[in-house]
Amino acid sequence: MYLVEDLATEESRHKVELAEQLRPARRQLTLRRARRMEQKAERRMFRAWHRAAELRGTLESADY
């Protein structure tokens, strides 16, 4: 005889498995969104590095 806890765990596991099977498009959308966010952050970081290098160059030339 199953305990209520075992039934709930089994049902929960089944729902997760079903969701993984039924929503590959949703998972793909989430991955694409994460990649876009990561690329955007990388571009911002490169622009910041470039701007910092420009400012350092300006400060160094002002010192001389």
N, C-alpha and C. Protein backbone atom coordinates (compact mmCIF):
# COMPACT_ATOMS: atom_id res chain seq x y z
N MET A 1 0.84 -1.18 0.00
CA MET A 1 0.00 0.00 0.00
C MET A 1 0.88 1.25 0.00
N TYR A 2 0.58 2.17 -0.89
CA TYR A 2 1.33 3.41 -0.98
C TYR A 2 0.96 4.36 0.14
N LEU A 3 1.94 5.05 0.58
CA LEU A 3 1.67 6.14 1.52
C LEU A 3 1.29 7.37 0.70
N VAL A 4 0.60 8.30 1.28
CA VAL A 4 0.19 9.52 0.59
C VAL A 4 1.42 10.27 0.08
N GLU A 5 2.46 10.27 0.87
CA GLU A 5 3.70 10.96 0.51
C GLU A 5 4.31 10.34 -0.75
N ASP A 6 4.31 9.00 -0.82
CA ASP A 6 4.84 8.31 -2.00
C ASP A 6 4.01 8.62 -3.24
N LEU A 7 2.70 8.65 -3.09
CA LEU A 7 1.84 8.97 -4.22
C LEU A 7 2.08 10.40 -4.71
N ALA A 8 2.22 11.32 -3.79
CA ALA A 8 2.46 12.71 -4.16
C ALA A 8 3.80 12.86 -4.87
N THR A 9 4.82 12.16 -4.37
CA THR A 9 6.14 12.22 -4.99
C THR A 9 6.09 11.63 -6.39
N GLU A 10 5.43 10.52 -6.54
CA GLU A 10 5.32 9.87 -7.84
C GLU A 10 4.55 10.75 -8.82
N GLU A 11 3.47 11.35 -8.36
CA GLU A 11 2.67 12.23 -9.22
C GLU A 11 3.48 13.46 -9.63
N SER A 12 4.21 14.03 -8.69
CA SER A 12 5.04 15.18 -8.98
C SER A 12 6.11 14.83 -10.01
N ARG A 13 6.75 13.71 -9.84
CA ARG A 13 7.78 13.26 -10.77
C ARG A 13 7.18 13.07 -12.16
N HIS A 14 5.98 12.49 -12.20
CA HIS A 14 5.31 12.26 -13.48
C HIS A 14 4.99 13.60 -14.16
N LYS A 15 4.54 14.57 -13.41
CA LYS A 15 4.22 15.89 -13.98
C LYS A 15 5.47 16.56 -14.54
N VAL A 16 6.58 16.43 -13.85
CA VAL A 16 7.83 17.02 -14.33
C VAL A 16 8.25 16.34 -15.63
N GLU A 17 8.19 15.01 -15.67
CA GLU A 17 8.55 14.28 -16.88
C GLU A 17 7.64 14.66 -18.04
N LEU A 18 6.36 14.77 -17.77
CA LEU A 18 5.39 15.14 -18.80
C LEU A 18 5.67 16.55 -19.31
N ALA A 19 5.96 17.46 -18.42
CA ALA A 19 6.25 18.84 -18.81
C ALA A 19 7.50 18.90 -19.68
N GLU A 20 8.51 18.09 -19.33
CA GLU A 20 9.73 18.07 -20.13
C GLU A 20 9.45 17.55 -21.54
N GLN A 21 8.55 16.60 -21.67
CA GLN A 21 8.22 16.04 -22.97
C GLN A 21 7.34 16.98 -23.79
N LEU A 22 6.42 17.65 -23.13
CA LEU A 22 5.44 18.45 -23.85
C LEU A 22 5.93 19.84 -24.22
N ARG A 23 6.96 20.33 -23.57
CA ARG A 23 7.33 21.72 -23.79
C ARG A 23 8.75 21.93 -24.29
N PRO A 24 9.19 21.20 -25.29
CA PRO A 24 10.53 21.46 -25.78
C PRO A 24 10.64 22.85 -26.40
N ALA A 25 9.57 23.34 -27.00
CA ALA A 25 9.59 24.67 -27.60
C ALA A 25 9.77 25.73 -26.51
N ARG A 26 9.09 25.54 -25.41
CA ARG A 26 9.21 26.50 -24.29
C ARG A 26 10.62 26.49 -23.73
N ARG A 27 11.19 25.28 -23.60
CA ARG A 27 12.56 25.16 -23.10
C ARG A 27 13.53 25.84 -24.07
N GLN A 28 13.30 25.64 -25.37
CA GLN A 28 14.14 26.25 -26.40
C GLN A 28 14.04 27.77 -26.33
N LEU A 29 12.84 28.27 -26.13
CA LEU A 29 12.63 29.72 -26.01
C LEU A 29 13.40 30.28 -24.82
N THR A 30 13.36 29.58 -23.70
CA THR A 30 14.07 30.02 -22.51
C THR A 30 15.57 30.03 -22.74
N LEU A 31 16.08 28.99 -23.40
CA LEU A 31 17.51 28.94 -23.71
C LEU A 31 17.92 30.08 -24.64
N ARG A 32 17.10 30.34 -25.65
CA ARG A 32 17.41 31.45 -26.57
C ARG A 32 17.43 32.78 -25.84
N ARG A 33 16.46 32.97 -24.96
CA ARG A 33 16.39 34.21 -24.19
C ARG A 33 17.63 34.37 -23.31
N ALA A 34 18.05 33.28 -22.68
CA ALA A 34 19.24 33.33 -21.83
C ALA A 34 20.48 33.65 -22.65
N ARG A 35 20.58 33.05 -23.84
CA ARG A 35 21.75 33.34 -24.70
C ARG A 35 21.77 34.80 -25.12
N ARG A 36 20.59 35.35 -25.48
CA ARG A 36 20.53 36.77 -25.86
C ARG A 36 20.95 37.67 -24.72
N MET A 37 20.48 37.35 -23.51
CA MET A 37 20.85 38.15 -22.35
C MET A 37 22.35 38.08 -22.11
N GLU A 38 22.92 36.89 -22.26
CA GLU A 38 24.36 36.72 -22.07
C GLU A 38 25.14 37.50 -23.11
N GLN A 39 24.72 37.45 -24.37
CA GLN A 39 25.41 38.19 -25.43
C GLN A 39 25.31 39.69 -25.20
N LYS A 40 24.16 40.15 -24.77
CA LYS A 40 23.97 41.58 -24.49
C LYS A 40 24.90 42.02 -23.36
N ALA A 41 25.01 41.21 -22.33
CA ALA A 41 25.90 41.53 -21.21
C ALA A 41 27.35 41.56 -21.67
N GLU A 42 27.74 40.63 -22.53
CA GLU A 42 29.11 40.61 -23.05
C GLU A 42 29.39 41.87 -23.86
N ARG A 43 28.44 42.28 -24.71
CA ARG A 43 28.64 43.50 -25.51
C ARG A 43 28.79 44.72 -24.60
N ARG A 44 27.96 44.80 -23.56
CA ARG A 44 28.07 45.91 -22.62
C ARG A 44 29.43 45.91 -21.92
N MET A 45 29.90 44.73 -21.55
CA MET A 45 31.18 44.61 -20.87
C MET A 45 32.32 45.07 -21.80
N PHE A 46 32.28 44.65 -23.07
CA PHE A 46 33.32 45.07 -24.01
C PHE A 46 33.29 46.58 -24.24
N ARG A 47 32.09 47.14 -24.34
CA ARG A 47 32.00 48.60 -24.50
C ARG A 47 32.57 49.31 -23.28
N ALA A 48 32.29 48.78 -22.10
CA ALA A 48 32.81 49.39 -20.87
C ALA A 48 34.33 49.30 -20.84
N TRP A 49 34.89 48.14 -21.22
CA TRP A 49 36.35 48.00 -21.26
C TRP A 49 36.97 48.99 -22.25
N HIS A 50 36.32 49.10 -23.42
CA HIS A 50 36.82 50.01 -24.44
C HIS A 50 36.77 51.46 -23.94
N ARG A 51 35.66 51.81 -23.32
CA ARG A 51 35.52 53.18 -22.79
C ARG A 51 36.53 53.43 -21.67
N ALA A 52 36.76 52.47 -20.81
CA ALA A 52 37.75 52.63 -19.73
C ALA A 52 39.14 52.82 -20.32
N ALA A 53 39.46 52.08 -21.37
CA ALA A 53 40.77 52.23 -22.02
C ALA A 53 40.90 53.62 -22.63
N GLU A 54 39.83 54.12 -23.24
CA GLU A 54 39.85 55.48 -23.80
C GLU A 54 40.08 56.51 -22.70
N LEU A 55 39.38 56.34 -21.59
CA LEU A 55 39.53 57.30 -20.49
C LEU A 55 40.93 57.25 -19.89
N ARG A 56 41.48 56.04 -19.75
CA ARG A 56 42.86 55.92 -19.25
C ARG A 56 43.84 56.62 -20.19
N GLY A 57 43.64 56.43 -21.49
CA GLY A 57 44.50 57.08 -22.47
C GLY A 57 44.39 58.60 -22.38
N THR A 58 43.18 59.09 -22.19
CA THR A 58 42.97 60.54 -22.06
C THR A 58 43.66 61.06 -20.80
N LEU A 59 43.53 60.33 -19.69
CA LEU A 59 44.16 60.76 -18.45
C LEU A 59 45.67 60.71 -18.54
N GLU A 60 46.20 59.68 -19.18
CA GLU A 60 47.66 59.56 -19.31
C GLU A 60 48.22 60.69 -20.18
N SER A 61 47.53 61.03 -21.26
CA SER A 61 48.03 62.11 -22.11
C SER A 61 47.87 63.47 -21.42
N ALA A 62 46.91 63.60 -20.53
CA ALA A 62 46.73 64.85 -19.80
C ALA A 62 47.83 65.03 -18.76
N ASP A 63 48.38 63.92 -18.26
CA ASP A 63 49.44 63.98 -17.27
C ASP A 63 50.76 64.47 -17.85
N TYR A 64 50.96 64.26 -19.15
CA TYR A 64 52.25 64.64 -19.78
C TYR A 64 52.25 66.02 -20.28
